Protein backbone atom coordinates (compact mmCIF):
# COMPACT_ATOMS: atom_id res chain seq x y z
CA UNK A 1 62.70 90.02 -158.02
CA UNK A 2 61.20 92.39 -160.74
CA UNK A 3 63.92 93.86 -162.76
CA UNK A 4 64.48 96.40 -165.94
CA UNK A 5 62.10 94.31 -168.24
CA UNK A 6 59.28 93.97 -165.47
CA UNK A 7 59.08 97.22 -164.49
CA UNK A 8 59.29 98.51 -167.73
CA UNK A 9 56.09 96.49 -168.80
CA UNK A 10 54.54 97.44 -165.99
CA UNK A 11 54.94 100.92 -166.59
CA UNK A 12 53.44 100.51 -170.16
CA UNK A 13 50.86 98.90 -168.37
CA UNK A 14 49.81 101.31 -165.94
CA UNK A 15 50.11 103.95 -168.13
CA UNK A 16 47.20 102.56 -170.14
CA UNK A 17 45.32 101.78 -167.02
CA UNK A 18 45.66 105.25 -164.74
CA UNK A 19 46.57 108.02 -167.13
CA UNK A 20 43.57 110.51 -166.99
CA UNK A 21 42.04 108.39 -164.01
CA UNK A 22 41.33 110.37 -160.54
CA UNK A 23 43.16 108.84 -157.51
CA UNK A 24 40.50 108.60 -154.50
CA UNK A 25 42.13 107.10 -151.68
CA UNK A 26 45.57 105.91 -150.70
CA UNK A 27 44.90 102.83 -148.05
CA UNK A 28 48.72 102.00 -146.62
CA UNK A 29 48.05 98.16 -145.09
CA UNK A 30 51.13 97.63 -143.53
CA UNK A 31 52.70 101.15 -142.40
CA UNK A 32 56.41 100.39 -143.07
CA UNK A 33 56.10 100.35 -146.56
CA UNK A 34 56.01 104.12 -146.57
CA UNK A 35 59.46 105.57 -146.56
CA UNK A 36 58.20 109.52 -146.70
CA UNK A 37 55.98 111.62 -144.80
CA UNK A 38 55.98 114.64 -146.42
CA UNK A 39 53.82 114.94 -148.41
CA UNK A 40 51.54 112.74 -146.85
CA UNK A 41 49.99 109.97 -148.81
CA UNK A 42 46.63 111.58 -148.77
CA UNK A 43 48.07 114.57 -151.09
CA UNK A 44 47.79 112.15 -153.60
CA UNK A 45 43.79 111.88 -153.40
CA UNK A 46 42.14 113.78 -155.81
CA UNK A 47 44.69 113.81 -157.93
CA UNK A 48 44.41 113.32 -161.61
CA UNK A 49 47.42 110.56 -163.05
CA UNK A 50 49.43 111.99 -165.42
CA UNK A 51 52.39 110.25 -166.72
CA UNK A 52 54.34 107.02 -165.47
CA UNK A 53 57.94 106.54 -165.74
CA UNK A 54 60.88 104.13 -164.69
CA UNK A 55 64.25 104.80 -163.14
CA UNK A 56 65.86 101.18 -163.18
CA UNK A 57 63.55 98.95 -160.82
CA UNK A 58 61.71 101.73 -159.66
CA UNK A 59 57.91 102.67 -160.52
CA UNK A 60 57.20 106.04 -160.36
CA UNK A 61 53.36 107.49 -161.10
CA UNK A 62 53.40 110.97 -161.48
CA UNK A 63 49.85 113.03 -160.80
CA UNK A 64 49.25 116.52 -160.71
CA UNK A 65 50.31 116.92 -157.30
CA UNK A 66 52.79 114.35 -155.64
CA UNK A 67 54.66 111.09 -157.24
CA UNK A 68 53.74 108.01 -156.16
CA UNK A 69 56.88 106.01 -156.28
CA UNK A 70 57.54 102.12 -155.06
CA UNK A 71 60.19 99.93 -155.36
CA UNK A 72 58.62 96.09 -155.42
CA UNK A 73 62.18 95.04 -153.79
CA UNK A 74 63.14 91.22 -153.88
CA UNK A 75 59.31 89.82 -153.21
CA UNK A 76 57.14 92.85 -153.64
CA UNK A 77 54.39 92.68 -156.49
CA UNK A 78 51.58 94.43 -158.28
CA UNK A 79 48.22 93.77 -158.93
CA UNK A 80 46.17 95.09 -160.94
CA UNK A 81 41.87 94.94 -159.75
CA UNK A 82 39.07 95.91 -162.73
CA UNK A 83 36.85 96.09 -159.37
CA UNK A 84 38.08 96.66 -156.25
CA UNK A 85 36.56 94.57 -152.91
CA UNK A 86 33.98 96.61 -150.83
CA UNK A 87 35.23 98.16 -147.59
CA UNK A 88 38.98 99.47 -146.22
CA UNK A 89 41.44 96.39 -146.34
CA UNK A 90 41.66 94.84 -143.05
CA UNK A 91 45.39 94.93 -141.34
CA UNK A 92 46.67 91.50 -140.39
CA UNK A 93 49.13 89.41 -141.65
CA UNK A 94 48.48 88.27 -145.41
CA UNK A 95 50.99 89.81 -148.23
CA UNK A 96 48.45 92.86 -148.65
CA UNK A 97 50.70 95.93 -148.09
CA UNK A 98 49.04 98.71 -149.57
CA UNK A 99 45.75 99.63 -152.08
CA UNK A 100 45.27 102.42 -154.43
CA UNK A 101 41.43 103.06 -155.80
CA UNK A 102 40.44 105.41 -158.53
CA UNK A 103 37.61 107.07 -159.41
CA UNK A 104 36.17 104.33 -161.30
CA UNK A 105 36.43 101.49 -159.24
CA UNK A 106 39.71 99.96 -160.31
CA UNK A 107 42.85 100.22 -158.53
CA UNK A 108 45.96 97.60 -157.62
CA UNK A 109 46.92 96.38 -154.83
CA UNK A 110 50.74 96.70 -153.63
CA UNK A 111 51.77 92.87 -152.09
CA UNK A 112 54.96 91.52 -150.56
CA UNK A 113 55.44 87.94 -149.46
CA UNK A 114 57.52 86.34 -146.52
CA UNK A 115 58.91 87.61 -143.63
CA UNK A 116 61.58 90.11 -145.15
CA UNK A 117 59.43 93.52 -145.75
CA UNK A 118 61.90 95.55 -148.12
CA UNK A 119 58.47 96.71 -150.28
CA UNK A 120 58.93 100.36 -150.29
CA UNK A 121 56.69 103.31 -151.26
CA UNK A 122 57.28 107.08 -151.27
CA UNK A 123 55.13 109.97 -152.08
CA UNK A 124 57.50 112.80 -152.99
CA UNK A 125 57.29 116.62 -154.80
CA UNK A 126 60.51 115.24 -157.05
CA UNK A 127 61.90 111.53 -157.82
CA UNK A 128 65.55 113.02 -157.02
CA UNK A 129 64.59 112.89 -153.70
CA UNK A 130 64.86 109.60 -152.98
CA UNK A 131 68.03 108.63 -152.54
CA UNK A 132 67.46 105.13 -154.04
CA UNK A 133 66.88 107.07 -157.36
CA UNK A 134 69.54 109.84 -156.84
CA UNK A 135 71.99 107.50 -156.93
CA UNK A 136 71.19 105.45 -160.70
CA UNK A 137 73.61 104.56 -162.92
CA UNK A 138 72.51 105.14 -166.41
CA UNK A 139 69.22 103.47 -167.83
CA UNK A 140 70.95 100.20 -169.99
CA UNK A 141 68.34 100.43 -172.82
CA UNK A 142 68.61 104.66 -172.42
CA UNK A 143 69.43 105.62 -176.49
CA UNK A 144 72.86 107.29 -174.99
CA UNK A 145 74.27 104.31 -173.68
CA UNK A 146 76.91 103.46 -176.14
CA UNK A 147 79.82 100.83 -175.97
CA UNK A 148 81.88 103.43 -175.52
CA UNK A 149 80.20 104.70 -172.25
CA UNK A 150 79.76 101.41 -170.91
CA UNK A 151 83.92 100.72 -171.47
CA UNK A 152 84.33 104.26 -169.09
CA UNK A 153 81.63 102.59 -166.47
CA UNK A 154 84.27 99.09 -166.39
CA UNK A 155 87.50 101.33 -166.12
CA UNK A 156 89.27 100.66 -163.15
CA UNK A 157 86.30 98.44 -161.87
CA UNK A 158 88.04 95.76 -159.47
CA UNK A 159 84.55 93.88 -158.45
CA UNK A 160 83.60 90.58 -160.39
CA UNK A 161 81.27 90.74 -163.27
CA UNK A 162 78.10 89.43 -161.53
CA UNK A 163 78.52 92.45 -158.87
CA UNK A 164 78.82 94.90 -161.18
CA UNK A 165 76.35 93.94 -162.84
CA UNK A 166 73.50 94.14 -159.97
CA UNK A 167 75.25 97.72 -158.94
CA UNK A 168 73.03 99.67 -159.37
CA UNK A 169 74.86 102.91 -158.82
CA UNK A 170 76.56 101.69 -161.64
CA UNK A 171 74.04 100.15 -164.39
CA UNK A 172 70.59 100.80 -163.61
CA UNK A 173 68.11 97.94 -163.48
CA UNK A 174 69.90 94.58 -163.82
CA UNK A 175 69.55 92.20 -160.87
CA UNK A 176 70.03 88.65 -160.05
CA UNK A 177 68.65 86.87 -162.70
CA UNK A 178 69.32 89.24 -165.66
CA UNK A 179 72.96 89.55 -164.65
CA UNK A 180 72.57 85.61 -165.13
CA UNK A 181 71.28 85.66 -168.31
CA UNK A 182 73.91 88.12 -169.97
CA UNK A 183 76.79 86.52 -168.51
CA UNK A 184 75.50 83.25 -170.36
CA UNK A 185 74.80 85.42 -173.23
CA UNK A 186 78.64 86.95 -172.89
CA UNK A 187 79.75 83.64 -172.64
CA UNK A 188 82.01 84.93 -169.80
CA UNK A 189 82.38 83.90 -166.05
CA UNK A 190 80.57 85.55 -163.27
CA UNK A 191 83.47 85.55 -161.44
CA UNK A 192 85.89 87.51 -163.88
CA UNK A 193 87.21 90.38 -162.95
CA UNK A 194 85.26 93.50 -165.04
CA UNK A 195 88.69 95.97 -165.01
CA UNK A 196 90.62 92.64 -166.61
CA UNK A 197 88.33 92.39 -169.80
CA UNK A 198 89.84 93.20 -173.36
CA UNK A 199 88.19 95.61 -175.77
CA UNK A 200 86.30 92.39 -177.42
CA UNK A 201 85.28 91.27 -174.26
CA UNK A 202 83.99 94.37 -173.64
CA UNK A 203 81.94 94.23 -176.96
CA UNK A 204 80.18 91.11 -176.39
CA UNK A 205 79.52 92.03 -172.85
CA UNK A 206 78.35 94.98 -174.05
CA UNK A 207 76.04 93.52 -176.93
CA UNK A 208 74.59 90.72 -174.29
CA UNK A 209 73.55 93.26 -172.28
CA UNK A 210 71.44 95.14 -174.66
CA UNK A 211 70.01 91.91 -176.14
CA UNK A 212 69.19 90.15 -173.22
CA UNK A 213 67.20 93.26 -171.35
CA UNK A 214 65.86 94.25 -175.51
CA UNK A 215 64.43 90.66 -175.93
CA UNK A 216 63.40 90.11 -172.50
CA UNK A 217 61.27 93.86 -172.52
CA UNK A 218 59.43 92.32 -176.17
CA UNK A 219 58.58 89.12 -174.91
CA UNK A 220 56.70 91.69 -171.85
CA UNK A 221 55.45 93.97 -173.97
CA UNK A 222 51.48 94.08 -173.29
CA UNK A 223 51.49 91.89 -171.03
CA UNK A 224 49.07 92.28 -168.11
CA UNK A 225 50.49 92.85 -164.89
CA UNK A 226 49.31 89.31 -163.81
CA UNK A 227 51.26 87.16 -166.51
CA UNK A 228 54.42 89.15 -166.01
CA UNK A 229 56.23 86.77 -163.44
CA UNK A 230 55.00 83.46 -165.33
CA UNK A 231 56.67 85.38 -168.82
CA UNK A 232 60.33 86.60 -166.76
CA UNK A 233 60.60 82.33 -166.09
CA UNK A 234 60.17 80.86 -168.96
CA UNK A 235 62.57 82.83 -170.90
CA UNK A 236 65.23 82.45 -168.29
CA UNK A 237 68.27 80.47 -170.20
CA UNK A 238 69.88 79.68 -166.94
CA UNK A 239 68.62 81.60 -163.73
CA UNK A 240 66.83 79.14 -161.87
CA UNK A 241 67.53 76.50 -163.60
CA UNK A 242 70.17 74.49 -161.72
CA UNK A 243 70.44 70.68 -162.84
CA UNK A 244 68.65 71.25 -166.06
CA UNK A 245 70.81 70.89 -169.18
CA UNK A 246 72.03 74.27 -170.81
CA UNK A 247 69.80 75.19 -174.19
CA UNK A 248 72.92 76.29 -175.98
CA UNK A 249 75.75 73.26 -175.41
CA UNK A 250 73.70 70.73 -173.14
CA UNK A 251 75.93 70.75 -170.00
CA UNK A 252 74.45 70.67 -166.85
CA UNK A 253 73.74 74.23 -165.81
CA UNK A 254 75.09 74.81 -161.91
CA UNK A 255 74.62 77.16 -159.20
CA UNK A 256 76.97 78.79 -156.33
CA UNK A 257 76.26 81.22 -153.43
CA UNK A 258 77.03 84.99 -154.31
CA UNK A 259 77.07 87.53 -151.83
CA UNK A 260 73.37 87.32 -150.12
CA UNK A 261 71.82 84.93 -153.09
CA UNK A 262 72.32 82.15 -155.70
CA UNK A 263 73.96 82.37 -159.03
CA UNK A 264 73.36 79.83 -162.34
CA UNK A 265 75.96 79.31 -165.16
CA UNK A 266 77.00 76.99 -167.63
CA UNK A 267 80.50 75.57 -166.96
CA UNK A 268 80.83 74.45 -171.06
CA UNK A 269 79.51 77.98 -172.25
CA UNK A 270 81.26 80.41 -169.06
CA UNK A 271 83.97 78.83 -167.34
CA UNK A 272 85.91 76.63 -170.00
CA UNK A 273 84.31 73.60 -168.36
CA UNK A 274 85.52 73.86 -165.04
CA UNK A 275 82.94 74.34 -161.93
CA UNK A 276 83.03 77.52 -159.65
CA UNK A 277 83.91 76.93 -156.37
CA UNK A 278 80.95 77.90 -153.63
CA UNK A 279 82.93 79.93 -151.41
CA UNK A 280 80.42 80.25 -148.86
CA UNK A 281 80.29 76.64 -148.42
CA UNK A 282 84.29 76.87 -148.42
CA UNK A 283 83.97 78.90 -145.52
CA UNK A 284 81.70 76.81 -143.98
CA UNK A 285 83.36 73.66 -144.46
CA UNK A 286 87.04 75.55 -142.47
């Protein structure tokens, strides 16, 4: 799933390739991808792109008319095409969900792998009309997101840190992968309760949050859209690396089920050497 660093890099890439260019066609291939109908997607045609923005994990292509906003969800991606294929795309069972064509002959495709279709496209007059955008919490890389503001967000937060970091209404842009990376950098258990943190632990978590995301954005800066997935994977220390040695201490990285996904962590660095119980598996064995 693209998270804040990858969407930020896509924003910069698209700003370089779209701003000042005219949209001539928006061609939905999977109708389910469209989450709005007024204005219609045809309202974008003939419009000039004026800016590209990011809101959490939402990507906003602003024109001199409506906004084209997309959320790539778990298995979606954006593919830039220097030259689009001739003719309209054919509906079918492939991953192509929507195509945007420019007057220059360039454009991009939105694709989604797998059977769970969650890729979303909105055509709106104002991004705040989208419920997912309207409920977003603060951006963790914003200039005004300081340690004091972070501490206030965690006051009374009774969830485990893993779930709290992934909650888009609490902090915008962090998903499954970077929450693992942040907690590893902070040397904290993903199951630790957010409300139980001491001031020193809050400081450590805040610094890990900012540094992990900042470093990931810097690694992705200037990369073409097609290289972002590989860059994300290469920069991860624990997420997706079950069974590999921890790059900090050498212990074996472990995995447990969490909510609708899995998490990875280092027992030595994060849980005092104690493996976490896989609660989903424990329930199945009862």
